[in-house]
């Protein structure tokens, strides 16, 4: 039960953080990318959409975990690892393809 609530809180945090990045154009909080090489508006849209998708995924995983009784955490752990890998691979790839100033 506790692990379901923790995953739910992580998901809600991802949704809120993604919305804040999009609304206030918080490019300076994005780590791992050289923000001088990218269009800031496009980069904010890419990162915020990925964070919101991550948050929705985590909320869905916690909901499914709650429905299944929360006994087996293997599926939850695999879903969290896959989501984090998707974020860490997807954000730089999408930023390079769609927000790079060299592609303009």
Foldseek 3Di string as FASTA:
>chain_A
DVVLVVLLVQLVVLLVVLVCCLPVLPQVVDPPDDCVQWDSNVLSNLLSVLSNVLSVQSNVLSVVCVVVPVPDCPVVVVSNVVSVVCNVPVSVVCRVVPTGPVVD
